[in-house]
Structures are given as structure tokens and as C-alpha cells.
Amino acid sequence: MLVMSSTNKPYYKNSSQLDIRGKVCPLTFVYTKLALEELEKGKILEVHLDFPAALKNIPESCKRQNIAELLEIKEHLSDKQEWIMILKKL
């Protein structure tokens, strides 16, 4: 699993973090699904991404496969467009 550096503080306590910045669809969902498979039911995954289409594709694919629900998407303040997608494993 791709993990964020310890300098990035998680938004949710005891959440796992996945950094897929620089990845494009469909790999964004592939990496997200693999990370979710490592988590227990009910755990939170914070996905750091910079590919705009993934903001729609990841939640839709997670819902369709019944593996996670989208809790929120936060815009990450950076010199380029980045987001943090918060998913809860089902």
C-alpha cells in the first residue's frame, strides 16, 4: 500500500492514508481498492489524489462493488489541485 509521509496529519483518528497523486484512472481505483482490502470493516481510508476524474470514478466504483462509502472530499491546499477523499470500508 502507498502510504503518506508522517508529516501529513490525518483528518480522522486511526485512519489509513493512501497517496495516489500522479496516478490516473483506472489505476486510481485499483490502488484504492487494494488499500481498502487491507482494512477492517468500518475503518477509514484517506486517499490523497490529484486526478479530477477520480473524484467521481472512485466513489462510484466503490459503491457499485459495495466496498466503501464516500464520507467527504476535502480540497487540499497546495500549489496545484489536490484533494483528500475520505472513504469508510463497508
PDB file of N, CA and C in Angstrom:
ATOM      1  N   MET A   1       0.851  -1.181   0.000  1.00  0.00           N
ATOM      2  CA  MET A   1       0.000   0.000   0.000  1.00  0.00           C
ATOM      3  C   MET A   1       0.886   1.230   0.000  1.00  0.00           C
ATOM      4  N   LEU A   2       0.474   2.267  -0.728  1.00  0.00           N
ATOM      5  CA  LEU A   2       1.201   3.523  -0.755  1.00  0.00           C
ATOM      6  C   LEU A   2       0.775   4.340   0.449  1.00  0.00           C
ATOM      7  N   VAL A   3       1.718   4.784   1.249  1.00  0.00           N
ATOM      8  CA  VAL A   3       1.387   5.487   2.485  1.00  0.00           C
ATOM      9  C   VAL A   3       1.962   6.893   2.453  1.00  0.00           C
ATOM     10  N   MET A   4       1.237   7.819   3.060  1.00  0.00           N
ATOM     11  CA  MET A   4       1.692   9.201   3.142  1.00  0.00           C
ATOM     12  C   MET A   4       2.854   9.297   4.120  1.00  0.00           C
ATOM     13  N   SER A   5       3.636  10.340   3.986  1.00  0.00           N
ATOM     14  CA  SER A   5       4.700  10.580   4.953  1.00  0.00           C
ATOM     15  C   SER A   5       4.081  11.008   6.273  1.00  0.00           C
ATOM     16  N   SER A   6       4.827  10.884   7.327  1.00  0.00           N
ATOM     17  CA  SER A   6       4.302  11.202   8.660  1.00  0.00           C
ATOM     18  C   SER A   6       4.073  12.703   8.851  1.00  0.00           C
ATOM     19  N   THR A   7       4.551  13.530   7.910  1.00  0.00           N
ATOM     20  CA  THR A   7       4.340  14.969   8.037  1.00  0.00           C
ATOM     21  C   THR A   7       2.908  15.365   7.725  1.00  0.00           C
ATOM     22  N   ASN A   8       2.166  14.535   6.994  1.00  0.00           N
ATOM     23  CA  ASN A   8       0.764  14.816   6.697  1.00  0.00           C
ATOM     24  C   ASN A   8      -0.107  14.237   7.802  1.00  0.00           C
ATOM     25  N   LYS A   9      -0.785  15.122   8.507  1.00  0.00           N
ATOM     26  CA  LYS A   9      -1.634  14.687   9.612  1.00  0.00           C
ATOM     27  C   LYS A   9      -2.963  14.165   9.068  1.00  0.00           C
ATOM     28  N   PRO A  10      -3.415  13.025   9.554  1.00  0.00           N
ATOM     29  CA  PRO A  10      -4.711  12.504   9.092  1.00  0.00           C
ATOM     30  C   PRO A  10      -5.864  13.352   9.623  1.00  0.00           C
ATOM     31  N   TYR A  11      -6.960  13.414   8.875  1.00  0.00           N
ATOM     32  CA  TYR A  11      -8.152  14.132   9.313  1.00  0.00           C
ATOM     33  C   TYR A  11      -8.940  13.311  10.328  1.00  0.00           C
ATOM     34  N   TYR A  12      -8.904  11.996  10.173  1.00  0.00           N
ATOM     35  CA  TYR A  12      -9.658  11.109  11.049  1.00  0.00           C
ATOM     36  C   TYR A  12      -8.686  10.315  11.905  1.00  0.00           C
ATOM     37  N   LYS A  13      -9.014  10.173  13.174  1.00  0.00           N
ATOM     38  CA  LYS A  13      -8.174   9.412  14.095  1.00  0.00           C
ATOM     39  C   LYS A  13      -8.095   7.949  13.646  1.00  0.00           C
ATOM     40  N   ASN A  14      -6.920   7.384  13.693  1.00  0.00           N
ATOM     41  CA  ASN A  14      -6.670   5.973  13.346  1.00  0.00           C
ATOM     42  C   ASN A  14      -7.022   5.634  11.896  1.00  0.00           C
ATOM     43  N   SER A  15      -6.976   6.620  11.020  1.00  0.00           N
ATOM     44  CA  SER A  15      -7.263   6.331   9.611  1.00  0.00           C
ATOM     45  C   SER A  15      -5.986   5.885   8.912  1.00  0.00           C
ATOM     46  N   SER A  16      -6.170   5.199   7.794  1.00  0.00           N
ATOM     47  CA  SER A  16      -5.044   4.836   6.926  1.00  0.00           C
ATOM     48  C   SER A  16      -4.982   5.873   5.818  1.00  0.00           C
ATOM     49  N   GLN A  17      -3.797   6.072   5.270  1.00  0.00           N
ATOM     50  CA  GLN A  17      -3.648   7.063   4.213  1.00  0.00           C
ATOM     51  C   GLN A  17      -3.053   6.416   2.973  1.00  0.00           C
ATOM     52  N   LEU A  18      -3.555   6.847   1.830  1.00  0.00           N
ATOM     53  CA  LEU A  18      -3.097   6.353   0.538  1.00  0.00           C
ATOM     54  C   LEU A  18      -2.768   7.542  -0.345  1.00  0.00           C
ATOM     55  N   ASP A  19      -1.578   7.563  -0.901  1.00  0.00           N
ATOM     56  CA  ASP A  19      -1.149   8.654  -1.775  1.00  0.00           C
ATOM     57  C   ASP A  19      -1.125   8.146  -3.210  1.00  0.00           C
ATOM     58  N   ILE A  20      -2.098   8.599  -4.009  1.00  0.00           N
ATOM     59  CA  ILE A  20      -2.132   8.202  -5.419  1.00  0.00           C
ATOM     60  C   ILE A  20      -1.983   9.424  -6.317  1.00  0.00           C
ATOM     61  N   ARG A  21      -1.359  10.473  -5.790  1.00  0.00           N
ATOM     62  CA  ARG A  21      -1.090  11.645  -6.620  1.00  0.00           C
ATOM     63  C   ARG A  21      -0.170  11.219  -7.769  1.00  0.00           C
ATOM     64  N   GLY A  22      -0.488  11.694  -8.960  1.00  0.00           N
ATOM     65  CA  GLY A  22       0.282  11.321 -10.136  1.00  0.00           C
ATOM     66  C   GLY A  22      -0.280  10.110 -10.866  1.00  0.00           C
ATOM     67  N   LYS A  23      -1.249   9.417 -10.275  1.00  0.00           N
ATOM     68  CA  LYS A  23      -1.900   8.262 -10.910  1.00  0.00           C
ATOM     69  C   LYS A  23      -3.165   8.723 -11.623  1.00  0.00           C
ATOM     70  N   VAL A  24      -3.537   8.014 -12.684  1.00  0.00           N
ATOM     71  CA  VAL A  24      -4.750   8.335 -13.436  1.00  0.00           C
ATOM     72  C   VAL A  24      -5.682   7.115 -13.466  1.00  0.00           C
ATOM     73  N   CYS A  25      -6.931   7.355 -13.806  1.00  0.00           N
ATOM     74  CA  CYS A  25      -7.911   6.267 -13.906  1.00  0.00           C
ATOM     75  C   CYS A  25      -7.497   5.317 -15.032  1.00  0.00           C
ATOM     76  N   PRO A  26      -7.705   4.031 -14.902  1.00  0.00           N
ATOM     77  CA  PRO A  26      -8.390   3.343 -13.811  1.00  0.00           C
ATOM     78  C   PRO A  26      -7.474   2.966 -12.641  1.00  0.00           C
ATOM     79  N   LEU A  27      -6.184   3.309 -12.725  1.00  0.00           N
ATOM     80  CA  LEU A  27      -5.276   2.929 -11.637  1.00  0.00           C
ATOM     81  C   LEU A  27      -5.640   3.567 -10.306  1.00  0.00           C
ATOM     82  N   THR A  28      -6.270   4.744 -10.342  1.00  0.00           N
ATOM     83  CA  THR A  28      -6.664   5.372  -9.083  1.00  0.00           C
ATOM     84  C   THR A  28      -7.588   4.450  -8.285  1.00  0.00           C
ATOM     85  N   PHE A  29      -8.547   3.835  -8.967  1.00  0.00           N
ATOM     86  CA  PHE A  29      -9.452   2.921  -8.270  1.00  0.00           C
ATOM     87  C   PHE A  29      -8.754   1.618  -7.898  1.00  0.00           C
ATOM     88  N   VAL A  30      -7.891   1.119  -8.745  1.00  0.00           N
ATOM     89  CA  VAL A  30      -7.177  -0.134  -8.450  1.00  0.00           C
ATOM     90  C   VAL A  30      -6.389   0.017  -7.151  1.00  0.00           C
ATOM     91  N   TYR A  31      -5.619   1.078  -7.023  1.00  0.00           N
ATOM     92  CA  TYR A  31      -4.836   1.296  -5.796  1.00  0.00           C
ATOM     93  C   TYR A  31      -5.740   1.496  -4.587  1.00  0.00           C
ATOM     94  N   THR A  32      -6.834   2.223  -4.781  1.00  0.00           N
ATOM     95  CA  THR A  32      -7.775   2.450  -3.681  1.00  0.00           C
ATOM     96  C   THR A  32      -8.403   1.139  -3.227  1.00  0.00           C
ATOM     97  N   LYS A  33      -8.828   0.317  -4.173  1.00  0.00           N
ATOM     98  CA  LYS A  33      -9.454  -0.966  -3.835  1.00  0.00           C
ATOM     99  C   LYS A  33      -8.461  -1.864  -3.093  1.00  0.00           C
ATOM    100  N   LEU A  34      -7.223  -1.927  -3.558  1.00  0.00           N
ATOM    101  CA  LEU A  34      -6.214  -2.747  -2.882  1.00  0.00           C
ATOM    102  C   LEU A  34      -5.990  -2.267  -1.447  1.00  0.00           C
ATOM    103  N   ALA A  35      -5.959  -0.958  -1.256  1.00  0.00           N
ATOM    104  CA  ALA A  35      -5.778  -0.420   0.098  1.00  0.00           C
ATOM    105  C   ALA A  35      -6.984  -0.738   0.976  1.00  0.00           C
ATOM    106  N   LEU A  36      -8.187  -0.627   0.423  1.00  0.00           N
ATOM    107  CA  LEU A  36      -9.392  -0.938   1.193  1.00  0.00           C
ATOM    108  C   LEU A  36      -9.440  -2.408   1.592  1.00  0.00           C
ATOM    109  N   GLU A  37      -8.957  -3.283   0.724  1.00  0.00           N
ATOM    110  CA  GLU A  37      -8.960  -4.717   1.032  1.00  0.00           C
ATOM    111  C   GLU A  37      -8.103  -5.042   2.256  1.00  0.00           C
ATOM    112  N   GLU A  38      -7.130  -4.201   2.561  1.00  0.00           N
ATOM    113  CA  GLU A  38      -6.265  -4.426   3.723  1.00  0.00           C
ATOM    114  C   GLU A  38      -6.900  -3.959   5.028  1.00  0.00           C
ATOM    115  N   LEU A  39      -7.991  -3.201   4.926  1.00  0.00           N
ATOM    116  CA  LEU A  39      -8.617  -2.627   6.114  1.00  0.00           C
ATOM    117  C   LEU A  39      -9.757  -3.494   6.633  1.00  0.00           C
ATOM    118  N   GLU A  40     -10.025  -3.342   7.940  1.00  0.00           N
ATOM    119  CA  GLU A  40     -11.174  -4.000   8.550  1.00  0.00           C
ATOM    120  C   GLU A  40     -12.432  -3.174   8.264  1.00  0.00           C
ATOM    121  N   LYS A  41     -13.581  -3.830   8.313  1.00  0.00           N
ATOM    122  CA  LYS A  41     -14.860  -3.163   8.103  1.00  0.00           C
ATOM    123  C   LYS A  41     -14.991  -1.986   9.078  1.00  0.00           C
ATOM    124  N   GLY A  42     -15.451  -0.859   8.549  1.00  0.00           N
ATOM    125  CA  GLY A  42     -15.666   0.314   9.382  1.00  0.00           C
ATOM    126  C   GLY A  42     -14.469   1.251   9.487  1.00  0.00           C
ATOM    127  N   LYS A  43     -13.314   0.832   9.009  1.00  0.00           N
ATOM    128  CA  LYS A  43     -12.109   1.667   9.084  1.00  0.00           C
ATOM    129  C   LYS A  43     -12.140   2.736   7.996  1.00  0.00           C
ATOM    130  N   ILE A  44     -11.377   3.794   8.217  1.00  0.00           N
ATOM    131  CA  ILE A  44     -11.350   4.951   7.335  1.00  0.00           C
ATOM    132  C   ILE A  44     -10.071   4.946   6.502  1.00  0.00           C
ATOM    133  N   LEU A  45     -10.226   5.279   5.212  1.00  0.00           N
ATOM    134  CA  LEU A  45      -9.090   5.432   4.306  1.00  0.00           C
ATOM    135  C   LEU A  45      -9.123   6.852   3.756  1.00  0.00           C
ATOM    136  N   GLU A  46      -8.010   7.576   3.928  1.00  0.00           N
ATOM    137  CA  GLU A  46      -7.867   8.915   3.375  1.00  0.00           C
ATOM    138  C   GLU A  46      -7.024   8.803   2.113  1.00  0.00           C
ATOM    139  N   VAL A  47      -7.622   9.116   0.980  1.00  0.00           N
ATOM    140  CA  VAL A  47      -6.956   8.985  -0.316  1.00  0.00           C
ATOM    141  C   VAL A  47      -6.539  10.373  -0.806  1.00  0.00           C
ATOM    142  N   HIS A  48      -5.242  10.573  -0.981  1.00  0.00           N
ATOM    143  CA  HIS A  48      -4.713  11.837  -1.484  1.00  0.00           C
ATOM    144  C   HIS A  48      -4.542  11.695  -2.997  1.00  0.00           C
ATOM    145  N   LEU A  49      -5.219  12.565  -3.767  1.00  0.00           N
ATOM    146  CA  LEU A  49      -5.198  12.424  -5.213  1.00  0.00           C
ATOM    147  C   LEU A  49      -5.180  13.774  -5.908  1.00  0.00           C
ATOM    148  N   ASP A  50      -4.779  13.746  -7.193  1.00  0.00           N
ATOM    149  CA  ASP A  50      -4.730  14.979  -7.977  1.00  0.00           C
ATOM    150  C   ASP A  50      -5.327  14.803  -9.371  1.00  0.00           C
ATOM    151  N   PHE A  51      -6.013  13.697  -9.609  1.00  0.00           N
ATOM    152  CA  PHE A  51      -6.631  13.440 -10.910  1.00  0.00           C
ATOM    153  C   PHE A  51      -8.132  13.714 -10.788  1.00  0.00           C
ATOM    154  N   PRO A  52      -8.630  14.820 -11.382  1.00  0.00           N
ATOM    155  CA  PRO A  52     -10.029  15.231 -11.182  1.00  0.00           C
ATOM    156  C   PRO A  52     -11.071  14.159 -11.482  1.00  0.00           C
ATOM    157  N   ALA A  53     -10.891  13.366 -12.528  1.00  0.00           N
ATOM    158  CA  ALA A  53     -11.892  12.343 -12.878  1.00  0.00           C
ATOM    159  C   ALA A  53     -12.054  11.306 -11.768  1.00  0.00           C
ATOM    160  N   ALA A  54     -11.021  11.084 -10.983  1.00  0.00           N
ATOM    161  CA  ALA A  54     -11.082  10.099  -9.902  1.00  0.00           C
ATOM    162  C   ALA A  54     -12.050  10.518  -8.801  1.00  0.00           C
ATOM    163  N   LEU A  55     -12.328  11.821  -8.690  1.00  0.00           N
ATOM    164  CA  LEU A  55     -13.271  12.295  -7.676  1.00  0.00           C
ATOM    165  C   LEU A  55     -14.662  11.722  -7.900  1.00  0.00           C
ATOM    166  N   LYS A  56     -14.980  11.423  -9.143  1.00  0.00           N
ATOM    167  CA  LYS A  56     -16.262  10.808  -9.486  1.00  0.00           C
ATOM    168  C   LYS A  56     -16.123   9.291  -9.595  1.00  0.00           C
ATOM    169  N   ASN A  57     -15.056   8.834 -10.255  1.00  0.00           N
ATOM    170  CA  ASN A  57     -14.903   7.405 -10.557  1.00  0.00           C
ATOM    171  C   ASN A  57     -14.671   6.534  -9.330  1.00  0.00           C
ATOM    172  N   ILE A  58     -13.843   6.970  -8.392  1.00  0.00           N
ATOM    173  CA  ILE A  58     -13.566   6.140  -7.215  1.00  0.00           C
ATOM    174  C   ILE A  58     -14.824   5.904  -6.380  1.00  0.00           C
ATOM    175  N   PRO A  59     -15.559   6.971  -5.980  1.00  0.00           N
ATOM    176  CA  PRO A  59     -16.776   6.713  -5.188  1.00  0.00           C
ATOM    177  C   PRO A  59     -17.810   5.858  -5.918  1.00  0.00           C
ATOM    178  N   GLU A  60     -17.986   6.094  -7.226  1.00  0.00           N
ATOM    179  CA  GLU A  60     -18.951   5.295  -7.991  1.00  0.00           C
ATOM    180  C   GLU A  60     -18.545   3.824  -8.027  1.00  0.00           C
ATOM    181  N   SER A  61     -17.267   3.562  -8.245  1.00  0.00           N
ATOM    182  CA  SER A  61     -16.794   2.177  -8.297  1.00  0.00           C
ATOM    183  C   SER A  61     -16.887   1.509  -6.928  1.00  0.00           C
ATOM    184  N   CYS A  62     -16.575   2.246  -5.878  1.00  0.00           N
ATOM    185  CA  CYS A  62     -16.681   1.695  -4.521  1.00  0.00           C
ATOM    186  C   CYS A  62     -18.119   1.344  -4.180  1.00  0.00           C
ATOM    187  N   LYS A  63     -19.048   2.213  -4.581  1.00  0.00           N
ATOM    188  CA  LYS A  63     -20.471   1.965  -4.322  1.00  0.00           C
ATOM    189  C   LYS A  63     -20.960   0.768  -5.136  1.00  0.00           C
ATOM    190  N   ARG A  64     -20.586   0.737  -6.419  1.00  0.00           N
ATOM    191  CA  ARG A  64     -21.020  -0.352  -7.304  1.00  0.00           C
ATOM    192  C   ARG A  64     -20.526  -1.714  -6.795  1.00  0.00           C
ATOM    193  N   GLN A  65     -19.293  -1.745  -6.266  1.00  0.00           N
ATOM    194  CA  GLN A  65     -18.733  -3.005  -5.761  1.00  0.00           C
ATOM    195  C   GLN A  65     -19.007  -3.207  -4.271  1.00  0.00           C
ATOM    196  N   ASN A  66     -19.730  -2.254  -3.657  1.00  0.00           N
ATOM    197  CA  ASN A  66     -20.112  -2.350  -2.247  1.00  0.00           C
ATOM    198  C   ASN A  66     -18.901  -2.576  -1.334  1.00  0.00           C
ATOM    199  N   ILE A  67     -17.832  -1.789  -1.550  1.00  0.00           N
ATOM    200  CA  ILE A  67     -16.634  -1.957  -0.712  1.00  0.00           C
ATOM    201  C   ILE A  67     -16.363  -0.765   0.189  1.00  0.00           C
ATOM    202  N   ALA A  68     -16.922   0.399  -0.154  1.00  0.00           N
ATOM    203  CA  ALA A  68     -16.701   1.579   0.686  1.00  0.00           C
ATOM    204  C   ALA A  68     -17.737   2.636   0.367  1.00  0.00           C
ATOM    205  N   GLU A  69     -17.952   3.527   1.351  1.00  0.00           N
ATOM    206  CA  GLU A  69     -18.829   4.664   1.122  1.00  0.00           C
ATOM    207  C   GLU A  69     -18.020   5.939   1.260  1.00  0.00           C
ATOM    208  N   LEU A  70     -18.367   6.929   0.464  1.00  0.00           N
ATOM    209  CA  LEU A  70     -17.697   8.219   0.498  1.00  0.00           C
ATOM    210  C   LEU A  70     -18.243   9.032   1.663  1.00  0.00           C
ATOM    211  N   LEU A  71     -17.354   9.478   2.543  1.00  0.00           N
ATOM    212  CA  LEU A  71     -17.775  10.332   3.647  1.00  0.00           C
ATOM    213  C   LEU A  71     -17.642  11.805   3.268  1.00  0.00           C
ATOM    214  N   GLU A  72     -16.520  12.156   2.645  1.00  0.00           N
ATOM    215  CA  GLU A  72     -16.343  13.544   2.210  1.00  0.00           C
ATOM    216  C   GLU A  72     -15.124  13.670   1.312  1.00  0.00           C
ATOM    217  N   ILE A  73     -15.065  14.804   0.636  1.00  0.00           N
ATOM    218  CA  ILE A  73     -13.900  15.155  -0.181  1.00  0.00           C
ATOM    219  C   ILE A  73     -13.450  16.534   0.269  1.00  0.00           C
ATOM    220  N   LYS A  74     -12.191  16.630   0.647  1.00  0.00           N
ATOM    221  CA  LYS A  74     -11.623  17.912   1.078  1.00  0.00           C
ATOM    222  C   LYS A  74     -10.653  18.396   0.025  1.00  0.00           C
ATOM    223  N   GLU A  75     -10.688  19.688  -0.250  1.00  0.00           N
ATOM    224  CA  GLU A  75      -9.707  20.262  -1.150  1.00  0.00           C
ATOM    225  C   GLU A  75      -8.437  20.475  -0.342  1.00  0.00           C
ATOM    226  N   HIS A  76      -7.318  19.997  -0.875  1.00  0.00           N
ATOM    227  CA  HIS A  76      -6.039  20.110  -0.185  1.00  0.00           C
ATOM    228  C   HIS A  76      -5.345  21.372  -0.683  1.00  0.00           C
ATOM    229  N   LEU A  77      -4.953  22.234   0.249  1.00  0.00           N
ATOM    230  CA  LEU A  77      -4.294  23.478  -0.124  1.00  0.00           C
ATOM    231  C   LEU A  77      -2.871  23.182  -0.579  1.00  0.00           C
ATOM    232  N   SER A  78      -2.610  23.473  -1.827  1.00  0.00           N
ATOM    233  CA  SER A  78      -1.328  23.163  -2.446  1.00  0.00           C
ATOM    234  C   SER A  78      -1.133  24.113  -3.617  1.00  0.00           C
ATOM    235  N   ASP A  79       0.022  24.037  -4.265  1.00  0.00           N
ATOM    236  CA  ASP A  79       0.255  24.885  -5.429  1.00  0.00           C
ATOM    237  C   ASP A  79      -0.438  24.338  -6.683  1.00  0.00           C
ATOM    238  N   LYS A  80      -1.001  23.137  -6.589  1.00  0.00           N
ATOM    239  CA  LYS A  80      -1.787  22.580  -7.680  1.00  0.00           C
ATOM    240  C   LYS A  80      -3.041  21.937  -7.102  1.00  0.00           C
ATOM    241  N   GLN A  81      -3.973  21.542  -7.977  1.00  0.00           N
ATOM    242  CA  GLN A  81      -5.227  20.944  -7.496  1.00  0.00           C
ATOM    243  C   GLN A  81      -4.971  19.576  -6.894  1.00  0.00           C
ATOM    244  N   GLU A  82      -5.322  19.434  -5.629  1.00  0.00           N
ATOM    245  CA  GLU A  82      -5.244  18.152  -4.938  1.00  0.00           C
ATOM    246  C   GLU A  82      -6.438  18.031  -4.005  1.00  0.00           C
ATOM    247  N   TRP A  83      -6.834  16.791  -3.751  1.00  0.00           N
ATOM    248  CA  TRP A  83      -7.958  16.524  -2.871  1.00  0.00           C
ATOM    249  C   TRP A  83      -7.619  15.390  -1.927  1.00  0.00           C
ATOM    250  N   ILE A  84      -8.395  15.332  -0.840  1.00  0.00           N
ATOM    251  CA  ILE A  84      -8.324  14.201   0.092  1.00  0.00           C
ATOM    252  C   ILE A  84      -9.729  13.613   0.142  1.00  0.00           C
ATOM    253  N   MET A  85      -9.845  12.383  -0.315  1.00  0.00           N
ATOM    254  CA  MET A  85     -11.116  11.678  -0.337  1.00  0.00           C
ATOM    255  C   MET A  85     -11.174  10.764   0.883  1.00  0.00           C
ATOM    256  N   ILE A  86     -12.236  10.901   1.672  1.00  0.00           N
ATOM    257  CA  ILE A  86     -12.394  10.117   2.899  1.00  0.00           C
ATOM    258  C   ILE A  86     -13.410   8.995   2.610  1.00  0.00           C
ATOM    259  N   LEU A  87     -12.931   7.749   2.711  1.00  0.00           N
ATOM    260  CA  LEU A  87     -13.779   6.580   2.459  1.00  0.00           C
ATOM    261  C   LEU A  87     -13.877   5.716   3.710  1.00  0.00           C
ATOM    262  N   LYS A  88     -15.044   5.132   3.914  1.00  0.00           N
ATOM    263  CA  LYS A  88     -15.247   4.206   5.025  1.00  0.00           C
ATOM    264  C   LYS A  88     -15.509   2.828   4.438  1.00  0.00           C
ATOM    265  N   LYS A  89     -14.704   1.842   4.859  1.00  0.00           N
ATOM    266  CA  LYS A  89     -14.865   0.489   4.334  1.00  0.00           C
ATOM    267  C   LYS A  89     -16.162  -0.131   4.824  1.00  0.00           C
ATOM    268  N   LEU A  90     -16.882  -0.757   3.897  1.00  0.00           N
ATOM    269  CA  LEU A  90     -18.144  -1.436   4.228  1.00  0.00           C
ATOM    270  C   LEU A  90     -17.894  -2.897   4.550  1.00  0.00           C
TER     271      LEU A  90
END
